[in-house]
């Protein structure tokens, strides 16, 4: 299986979402508002919410979600250890197929960390 470039994939998804939003403004804007409201600071920190979202992304097997939420976890200050542990929770909730997506998320984590170091 060829290695996916998750930083580039995230940028591609951002571009596609922008294009889709221009042609489908209502639902895309509503989704953006939902995300902003749900992920904002509250009783749970933004970091905690992003880690939860990453665990769900693994168990739901959403590759695009992995590209976003691994990046967002790092932006919110999550450590490598916290992210890896979250992948374990996603595997526990989704079983064997989610283990494959946890590997994809792990690959994304390594790519984003390498990009920050480089």
Protein backbone atom coordinates (compact mmCIF):
# COMPACT_ATOMS: atom_id res chain seq x y z
CA UNK A 1 0.00 0.00 0.00
CA UNK A 2 1.52 3.37 -0.96
CA UNK A 3 2.05 5.82 1.85
CA UNK A 4 -0.54 8.59 1.94
CA UNK A 5 0.76 12.12 2.45
CA UNK A 6 -1.57 13.28 5.22
CA UNK A 7 -0.48 16.94 5.32
CA UNK A 8 -1.17 17.20 1.57
CA UNK A 9 -4.40 15.22 1.93
CA UNK A 10 -5.63 17.60 4.64
CA UNK A 11 -4.90 20.57 2.38
CA UNK A 12 -6.70 18.89 -0.51
CA UNK A 13 -9.75 18.27 1.69
CA UNK A 14 -9.72 21.90 2.86
CA UNK A 15 -9.69 23.04 -0.75
CA UNK A 16 -12.48 20.67 -1.74
CA UNK A 17 -14.57 21.72 1.26
CA UNK A 18 -14.17 25.36 0.21
CA UNK A 19 -15.27 24.57 -3.33
CA UNK A 20 -18.20 22.50 -2.10
CA UNK A 21 -19.15 25.31 0.27
CA UNK A 22 -19.41 27.75 -2.61
CA UNK A 23 -21.91 25.48 -4.36
CA UNK A 24 -23.65 24.17 -1.24
CA UNK A 25 -23.33 27.08 1.20
CA UNK A 26 -26.12 26.28 3.65
CA UNK A 27 -25.21 22.76 4.73
CA UNK A 28 -21.44 23.36 4.62
CA UNK A 29 -21.73 26.57 6.66
CA UNK A 30 -24.05 24.83 9.13
CA UNK A 31 -21.53 22.01 9.49
CA UNK A 32 -18.80 24.57 10.15
CA UNK A 33 -20.93 26.26 12.82
CA UNK A 34 -21.69 22.91 14.43
CA UNK A 35 -17.98 22.10 14.53
CA UNK A 36 -17.12 25.49 16.03
CA UNK A 37 -19.78 25.20 18.71
CA UNK A 38 -19.06 21.57 19.59
CA UNK A 39 -15.27 21.88 19.67
CA UNK A 40 -15.00 25.19 21.51
CA UNK A 41 -13.75 25.45 25.09
CA UNK A 42 -16.25 24.46 27.73
CA UNK A 43 -16.30 21.88 30.49
CA UNK A 44 -13.94 19.88 28.24
CA UNK A 45 -10.80 21.43 26.78
CA UNK A 46 -10.29 21.72 23.05
CA UNK A 47 -7.53 19.12 23.35
CA UNK A 48 -9.83 16.64 25.05
CA UNK A 49 -12.51 17.18 22.43
CA UNK A 50 -10.03 16.66 19.59
CA UNK A 51 -8.77 13.45 21.19
CA UNK A 52 -12.37 12.23 21.48
CA UNK A 53 -12.97 13.13 17.83
CA UNK A 54 -9.84 11.22 16.82
CA UNK A 55 -10.97 8.12 18.69
CA UNK A 56 -14.34 8.33 16.96
CA UNK A 57 -12.65 8.85 13.59
CA UNK A 58 -10.68 5.63 14.09
CA UNK A 59 -13.73 3.63 15.16
CA UNK A 60 -15.88 5.15 12.37
CA UNK A 61 -13.08 4.46 9.86
CA UNK A 62 -13.04 7.97 8.39
CA UNK A 63 -9.71 8.55 6.65
CA UNK A 64 -10.35 12.24 5.98
CA UNK A 65 -11.28 12.72 9.63
CA UNK A 66 -7.92 11.22 10.60
CA UNK A 67 -6.11 13.82 8.52
CA UNK A 68 -7.93 16.62 10.32
CA UNK A 69 -8.10 15.35 13.87
CA UNK A 70 -4.50 14.16 14.22
CA UNK A 71 -3.44 17.62 13.05
CA UNK A 72 -5.94 19.33 15.36
CA UNK A 73 -4.84 17.22 18.34
CA UNK A 74 -1.28 18.41 17.83
CA UNK A 75 -2.44 22.01 17.40
CA UNK A 76 -4.33 21.73 20.70
CA UNK A 77 -1.18 20.55 22.46
CA UNK A 78 -1.77 16.80 22.64
CA UNK A 79 1.35 14.74 23.07
CA UNK A 80 2.39 11.81 20.94
CA UNK A 81 1.61 9.51 23.90
CA UNK A 82 -1.89 10.97 24.32
CA UNK A 83 -2.63 10.55 20.63
CA UNK A 84 -1.32 6.99 20.52
CA UNK A 85 -3.39 6.08 23.59
CA UNK A 86 -6.44 7.57 21.91
CA UNK A 87 -5.81 5.30 18.92
CA UNK A 88 -6.02 2.39 21.32
CA UNK A 89 -9.44 3.54 22.51
CA UNK A 90 -10.59 3.82 18.90
CA UNK A 91 -9.41 0.26 18.26
CA UNK A 92 -11.24 -0.96 21.37
CA UNK A 93 -14.46 0.66 20.18
CA UNK A 94 -14.18 -0.41 16.53
CA UNK A 95 -12.35 -3.74 16.54
CA UNK A 96 -10.05 -5.14 13.88
CA UNK A 97 -11.00 -2.85 11.00
CA UNK A 98 -10.40 0.17 13.21
CA UNK A 99 -6.90 -1.12 13.95
CA UNK A 100 -6.10 -0.53 10.27
CA UNK A 101 -7.36 3.07 10.56
CA UNK A 102 -5.35 3.50 13.75
CA UNK A 103 -2.29 2.60 11.68
CA UNK A 104 -3.29 5.27 9.17
CA UNK A 105 -3.69 7.80 12.00
CA UNK A 106 -0.29 6.77 13.36
CA UNK A 107 1.22 7.39 9.94
CA UNK A 108 -0.43 10.83 9.87
CA UNK A 109 0.95 11.57 13.35
CA UNK A 110 4.47 10.70 12.28
CA UNK A 111 4.17 12.86 9.16
CA UNK A 112 2.83 15.89 11.04
CA UNK A 113 5.52 15.57 13.71
CA UNK A 114 8.23 15.26 11.04
CA UNK A 115 6.87 18.38 9.32
CA UNK A 116 7.05 20.32 12.60
CA UNK A 117 10.63 19.19 13.20
CA UNK A 118 11.73 19.91 9.64
